[in-house]
Amino acid sequence: RARSRDRIEAIAGRYFSDGERARLFKADDTVSDFYRIWTSKESFVKCTGEGMREISRADTTDCAGYVIHEFEVIKKDAEYAASVCIKLSE
């Protein structure tokens, strides 16, 4: 379900880092980028073991030691985003 720009701004203001908000608001398609950033944050906090309770502290613009792959899946009239986070070997 697509979110309104006001709702996206409210969620970004609460959960996104300064860098993530900058990326979001300079994007051509704010809604698509919102979902890409959100799924990246979600995969990152799960990969680090911090879990969803730490999603507002996670900053996907600065995740040294990890690689996040973002995917966009378009099926008929719907667009989906998914991300996978991988910890680099030490």
C-alpha atoms as a PDB file:
ATOM      1  CA  ARG A   1       0.000   0.000   0.000  1.00  0.00           C
ATOM      2  CA  ALA A   2       1.456   3.317  -1.021  1.00  0.00           C
ATOM      3  CA  ARG A   3       1.955   5.845   1.729  1.00  0.00           C
ATOM      4  CA  SER A   4       1.254   9.557   1.417  1.00  0.00           C
ATOM      5  CA  ARG A   5       4.192  11.947   1.326  1.00  0.00           C
ATOM      6  CA  ASP A   6       3.144  13.360   4.728  1.00  0.00           C
ATOM      7  CA  ARG A   7       3.209   9.877   6.276  1.00  0.00           C
ATOM      8  CA  ILE A   8       6.568   9.103   4.649  1.00  0.00           C
ATOM      9  CA  GLU A   9       8.023  12.337   6.042  1.00  0.00           C
ATOM     10  CA  ALA A  10       6.698  11.516   9.528  1.00  0.00           C
ATOM     11  CA  ILE A  11       8.169   7.999   9.482  1.00  0.00           C
ATOM     12  CA  ALA A  12      11.477   9.244   8.046  1.00  0.00           C
ATOM     13  CA  GLY A  13      11.631  11.947  10.714  1.00  0.00           C
ATOM     14  CA  ARG A  14      11.255   9.365  13.437  1.00  0.00           C
ATOM     15  CA  TYR A  15      13.266   6.415  12.117  1.00  0.00           C
ATOM     16  CA  PHE A  16      15.738   7.621   9.452  1.00  0.00           C
ATOM     17  CA  SER A  17      19.185   9.076  10.040  1.00  0.00           C
ATOM     18  CA  ASP A  18      20.121  12.496   8.642  1.00  0.00           C
ATOM     19  CA  GLY A  19      21.907  10.790   5.727  1.00  0.00           C
ATOM     20  CA  GLU A  20      18.962   8.550   4.958  1.00  0.00           C
ATOM     21  CA  ARG A  21      16.558  11.504   5.009  1.00  0.00           C
ATOM     22  CA  ALA A  22      18.873  13.434   2.662  1.00  0.00           C
ATOM     23  CA  ARG A  23      18.899  10.474   0.266  1.00  0.00           C
ATOM     24  CA  LEU A  24      15.123  10.153   0.486  1.00  0.00           C
ATOM     25  CA  PHE A  25      14.264  13.780  -0.179  1.00  0.00           C
ATOM     26  CA  LYS A  26      16.590  14.191  -3.143  1.00  0.00           C
ATOM     27  CA  ALA A  27      15.182  11.055  -4.810  1.00  0.00           C
ATOM     28  CA  ASP A  28      13.122  11.272  -7.978  1.00  0.00           C
ATOM     29  CA  ASP A  29      10.614   8.765  -6.579  1.00  0.00           C
ATOM     30  CA  THR A  30      10.225   9.374  -2.847  1.00  0.00           C
ATOM     31  CA  VAL A  31       7.835   6.474  -2.288  1.00  0.00           C
ATOM     32  CA  SER A  32      10.078   3.873  -3.944  1.00  0.00           C
ATOM     33  CA  ASP A  33      13.165   5.173  -2.168  1.00  0.00           C
ATOM     34  CA  PHE A  34      11.327   5.176   1.162  1.00  0.00           C
ATOM     35  CA  TYR A  35      10.698   1.441   0.839  1.00  0.00           C
ATOM     36  CA  ARG A  36      14.267   0.749  -0.327  1.00  0.00           C
ATOM     37  CA  ILE A  37      15.696   2.592   2.684  1.00  0.00           C
ATOM     38  CA  TRP A  38      13.240   0.996   5.100  1.00  0.00           C
ATOM     39  CA  THR A  39      13.979  -2.555   3.907  1.00  0.00           C
ATOM     40  CA  SER A  40      17.723  -1.787   4.035  1.00  0.00           C
ATOM     41  CA  LYS A  41      17.398  -0.633   7.649  1.00  0.00           C
ATOM     42  CA  GLU A  42      15.345  -3.685   8.521  1.00  0.00           C
ATOM     43  CA  SER A  43      17.813  -6.123   6.970  1.00  0.00           C
ATOM     44  CA  PHE A  44      20.749  -4.302   8.604  1.00  0.00           C
ATOM     45  CA  VAL A  45      19.402  -4.426  12.172  1.00  0.00           C
ATOM     46  CA  LYS A  46      18.476  -8.082  11.737  1.00  0.00           C
ATOM     47  CA  CYS A  47      21.919  -8.924  10.360  1.00  0.00           C
ATOM     48  CA  THR A  48      23.717  -7.143  13.215  1.00  0.00           C
ATOM     49  CA  GLY A  49      21.499  -8.896  15.747  1.00  0.00           C
ATOM     50  CA  GLU A  50      20.212  -5.600  17.146  1.00  0.00           C
ATOM     51  CA  GLY A  51      16.674  -6.287  15.983  1.00  0.00           C
ATOM     52  CA  MET A  52      13.809  -3.978  15.109  1.00  0.00           C
ATOM     53  CA  ARG A  53      13.886  -2.179  18.464  1.00  0.00           C
ATOM     54  CA  GLU A  54      17.075  -0.462  17.251  1.00  0.00           C
ATOM     55  CA  ILE A  55      15.869   0.498  13.768  1.00  0.00           C
ATOM     56  CA  SER A  56      15.786   4.223  14.540  1.00  0.00           C
ATOM     57  CA  ARG A  57      19.462   4.131  15.586  1.00  0.00           C
ATOM     58  CA  ALA A  58      20.646   2.232  12.518  1.00  0.00           C
ATOM     59  CA  ASP A  59      22.229   4.292   9.747  1.00  0.00           C
ATOM     60  CA  THR A  60      22.498   2.510   6.418  1.00  0.00           C
ATOM     61  CA  THR A  61      24.660   5.313   5.019  1.00  0.00           C
ATOM     62  CA  ASP A  62      27.385   4.246   7.489  1.00  0.00           C
ATOM     63  CA  CYS A  63      27.393   0.485   7.951  1.00  0.00           C
ATOM     64  CA  ALA A  64      31.079  -0.439   7.791  1.00  0.00           C
ATOM     65  CA  GLY A  65      31.674  -4.163   7.739  1.00  0.00           C
ATOM     66  CA  TYR A  66      28.349  -4.887   6.065  1.00  0.00           C
ATOM     67  CA  VAL A  67      27.037  -4.845   2.518  1.00  0.00           C
ATOM     68  CA  ILE A  68      23.393  -4.178   1.773  1.00  0.00           C
ATOM     69  CA  HIS A  69      21.906  -5.253  -1.538  1.00  0.00           C
ATOM     70  CA  GLU A  70      18.657  -3.541  -2.506  1.00  0.00           C
ATOM     71  CA  PHE A  71      16.195  -5.143  -4.884  1.00  0.00           C
ATOM     72  CA  GLU A  72      13.179  -3.785  -6.690  1.00  0.00           C
ATOM     73  CA  VAL A  73      10.553  -6.208  -7.902  1.00  0.00           C
ATOM     74  CA  ILE A  74       7.861  -5.013 -10.257  1.00  0.00           C
ATOM     75  CA  LYS A  75       4.935  -7.336 -10.786  1.00  0.00           C
ATOM     76  CA  LYS A  76       2.000  -6.150 -12.863  1.00  0.00           C
ATOM     77  CA  ASP A  77       0.854  -2.872 -11.295  1.00  0.00           C
ATOM     78  CA  ALA A  78       2.637  -3.335  -7.980  1.00  0.00           C
ATOM     79  CA  GLU A  79       6.172  -2.468  -6.976  1.00  0.00           C
ATOM     80  CA  TYR A  80       7.979  -4.111  -4.083  1.00  0.00           C
ATOM     81  CA  ALA A  81      11.313  -3.528  -2.377  1.00  0.00           C
ATOM     82  CA  ALA A  82      13.534  -6.035  -0.631  1.00  0.00           C
ATOM     83  CA  SER A  83      17.007  -5.851   0.846  1.00  0.00           C
ATOM     84  CA  VAL A  84      19.572  -8.348   2.044  1.00  0.00           C
ATOM     85  CA  CYS A  85      22.363  -7.428   4.430  1.00  0.00           C
ATOM     86  CA  ILE A  86      25.563  -9.464   4.552  1.00  0.00           C
ATOM     87  CA  LYS A  87      28.322  -9.192   7.162  1.00  0.00           C
ATOM     88  CA  LEU A  88      31.753  -9.043   5.569  1.00  0.00           C
ATOM     89  CA  SER A  89      34.302 -11.497   6.913  1.00  0.00           C
ATOM     90  CA  GLU A  90      36.846 -10.068   9.289  1.00  0.00           C
END
